[in-house]
Amino acid sequence: MQGGIHMDKMNKKRQSQYKQLGLTVAYYRKMRGLTQLQLAEHTNLSRTHISNLEAPNMPTSISLDKLFDISDVLGIPVKALFEFRE
């Protein structure tokens, strides 16, 4: 039973991290004056995927390769995407 509780806590923690990642992507995208569509086109992702990634209520996974692509387009080091703001 405790294993299930532990997994639930990990899932909630992971969801929070994905939420923060998405909010950070949105922050830098807006700072660069890009639309979701422009970011999507430059990273070969769909606008819907970018939208889902940035939506705080829709934790969406993304590959490391795509995170590198996003950081390149935004002109930031990939580590900046993981520097979450409180």
C-alpha atoms as a PDB file:
ATOM      1  CA  MET A   1       0.000   0.000   0.000  1.00  0.00           C
ATOM      2  CA  GLN A   2       2.773   2.458   0.836  1.00  0.00           C
ATOM      3  CA  GLY A   3       4.336   1.868  -2.569  1.00  0.00           C
ATOM      4  CA  GLY A   4       1.175   3.209  -4.187  1.00  0.00           C
ATOM      5  CA  ILE A   5       1.206   6.272  -1.974  1.00  0.00           C
ATOM      6  CA  HIS A   6       4.862   6.886  -2.803  1.00  0.00           C
ATOM      7  CA  MET A   7       4.132   6.633  -6.537  1.00  0.00           C
ATOM      8  CA  ASP A   8       1.231   9.082  -6.193  1.00  0.00           C
ATOM      9  CA  LYS A   9       3.531  11.591  -4.496  1.00  0.00           C
ATOM     10  CA  MET A  10       6.149  11.156  -7.207  1.00  0.00           C
ATOM     11  CA  ASN A  11       3.540  11.647  -9.908  1.00  0.00           C
ATOM     12  CA  LYS A  12       2.344  14.869  -8.278  1.00  0.00           C
ATOM     13  CA  LYS A  13       5.921  16.091  -7.958  1.00  0.00           C
ATOM     14  CA  ARG A  14       6.608  15.268 -11.604  1.00  0.00           C
ATOM     15  CA  GLN A  15       3.396  17.010 -12.680  1.00  0.00           C
ATOM     16  CA  SER A  16       4.497  20.108 -10.795  1.00  0.00           C
ATOM     17  CA  GLN A  17       7.878  20.007 -12.540  1.00  0.00           C
ATOM     18  CA  TYR A  18       6.272  19.701 -15.990  1.00  0.00           C
ATOM     19  CA  LYS A  19       3.981  22.616 -15.109  1.00  0.00           C
ATOM     20  CA  GLN A  20       6.979  24.748 -14.117  1.00  0.00           C
ATOM     21  CA  LEU A  21       8.835  23.746 -17.282  1.00  0.00           C
ATOM     22  CA  GLY A  22       5.886  24.817 -19.422  1.00  0.00           C
ATOM     23  CA  LEU A  23       5.536  28.130 -17.617  1.00  0.00           C
ATOM     24  CA  THR A  24       9.256  28.770 -18.105  1.00  0.00           C
ATOM     25  CA  VAL A  25       9.025  28.028 -21.841  1.00  0.00           C
ATOM     26  CA  ALA A  26       6.070  30.439 -22.086  1.00  0.00           C
ATOM     27  CA  TYR A  27       7.986  33.124 -20.169  1.00  0.00           C
ATOM     28  CA  TYR A  28      11.033  33.023 -22.465  1.00  0.00           C
ATOM     29  CA  ARG A  29       8.899  32.689 -25.603  1.00  0.00           C
ATOM     30  CA  LYS A  30       6.980  35.842 -24.707  1.00  0.00           C
ATOM     31  CA  MET A  31      10.205  37.650 -23.763  1.00  0.00           C
ATOM     32  CA  ARG A  32      11.478  36.921 -27.294  1.00  0.00           C
ATOM     33  CA  GLY A  33       8.223  38.167 -28.829  1.00  0.00           C
ATOM     34  CA  LEU A  34       7.387  34.810 -30.394  1.00  0.00           C
ATOM     35  CA  THR A  35       3.951  33.288 -30.793  1.00  0.00           C
ATOM     36  CA  GLN A  36       3.307  29.648 -30.015  1.00  0.00           C
ATOM     37  CA  LEU A  37       2.992  29.049 -33.758  1.00  0.00           C
ATOM     38  CA  GLN A  38       6.378  30.630 -34.477  1.00  0.00           C
ATOM     39  CA  LEU A  39       8.074  28.556 -31.782  1.00  0.00           C
ATOM     40  CA  ALA A  40       6.337  25.443 -33.082  1.00  0.00           C
ATOM     41  CA  GLU A  41       7.480  26.093 -36.652  1.00  0.00           C
ATOM     42  CA  HIS A  42      11.100  26.633 -35.585  1.00  0.00           C
ATOM     43  CA  THR A  43      11.149  23.414 -33.530  1.00  0.00           C
ATOM     44  CA  ASN A  44       9.104  21.154 -35.830  1.00  0.00           C
ATOM     45  CA  LEU A  45       6.438  20.733 -33.158  1.00  0.00           C
ATOM     46  CA  SER A  46       2.747  21.421 -33.550  1.00  0.00           C
ATOM     47  CA  ARG A  47       1.290  24.601 -32.105  1.00  0.00           C
ATOM     48  CA  THR A  48      -1.007  22.341 -30.083  1.00  0.00           C
ATOM     49  CA  HIS A  49       2.002  20.608 -28.513  1.00  0.00           C
ATOM     50  CA  ILE A  50       3.523  23.973 -27.547  1.00  0.00           C
ATOM     51  CA  SER A  51       0.152  25.084 -26.185  1.00  0.00           C
ATOM     52  CA  ASN A  52      -0.220  21.895 -24.134  1.00  0.00           C
ATOM     53  CA  LEU A  53       3.360  22.196 -22.864  1.00  0.00           C
ATOM     54  CA  GLU A  54       2.717  25.749 -21.665  1.00  0.00           C
ATOM     55  CA  ALA A  55      -0.738  25.077 -20.188  1.00  0.00           C
ATOM     56  CA  PRO A  56      -0.443  24.882 -16.385  1.00  0.00           C
ATOM     57  CA  ASN A  57      -3.302  22.385 -16.116  1.00  0.00           C
ATOM     58  CA  MET A  58      -1.978  19.965 -18.763  1.00  0.00           C
ATOM     59  CA  PRO A  59       1.387  18.461 -17.753  1.00  0.00           C
ATOM     60  CA  THR A  60       2.862  17.434 -21.102  1.00  0.00           C
ATOM     61  CA  SER A  61       6.078  15.499 -21.616  1.00  0.00           C
ATOM     62  CA  ILE A  62       8.660  16.521 -24.184  1.00  0.00           C
ATOM     63  CA  SER A  63      11.883  14.951 -25.413  1.00  0.00           C
ATOM     64  CA  LEU A  64      15.280  16.253 -24.428  1.00  0.00           C
ATOM     65  CA  ASP A  65      16.076  16.837 -28.115  1.00  0.00           C
ATOM     66  CA  LYS A  66      13.054  19.137 -28.407  1.00  0.00           C
ATOM     67  CA  LEU A  67      14.073  20.985 -25.238  1.00  0.00           C
ATOM     68  CA  PHE A  68      17.462  21.646 -26.844  1.00  0.00           C
ATOM     69  CA  ASP A  69      15.662  22.882 -29.983  1.00  0.00           C
ATOM     70  CA  ILE A  70      13.449  25.185 -27.911  1.00  0.00           C
ATOM     71  CA  SER A  71      16.411  26.602 -25.996  1.00  0.00           C
ATOM     72  CA  ASP A  72      18.270  27.223 -29.282  1.00  0.00           C
ATOM     73  CA  VAL A  73      15.305  29.106 -30.768  1.00  0.00           C
ATOM     74  CA  LEU A  74      14.845  31.122 -27.577  1.00  0.00           C
ATOM     75  CA  GLY A  75      18.574  31.898 -27.407  1.00  0.00           C
ATOM     76  CA  ILE A  76      19.004  30.567 -23.881  1.00  0.00           C
ATOM     77  CA  PRO A  77      21.001  27.706 -22.372  1.00  0.00           C
ATOM     78  CA  VAL A  78      18.847  24.618 -21.871  1.00  0.00           C
ATOM     79  CA  LYS A  79      19.527  24.784 -18.127  1.00  0.00           C
ATOM     80  CA  ALA A  80      17.544  28.043 -17.992  1.00  0.00           C
ATOM     81  CA  LEU A  81      14.407  26.028 -18.774  1.00  0.00           C
ATOM     82  CA  PHE A  82      14.897  24.218 -15.455  1.00  0.00           C
ATOM     83  CA  GLU A  83      15.500  27.310 -13.321  1.00  0.00           C
ATOM     84  CA  PHE A  84      11.968  27.447 -11.985  1.00  0.00           C
ATOM     85  CA  ARG A  85      10.580  30.617 -10.482  1.00  0.00           C
ATOM     86  CA  GLU A  86       8.503  30.461  -7.319  1.00  0.00           C
END
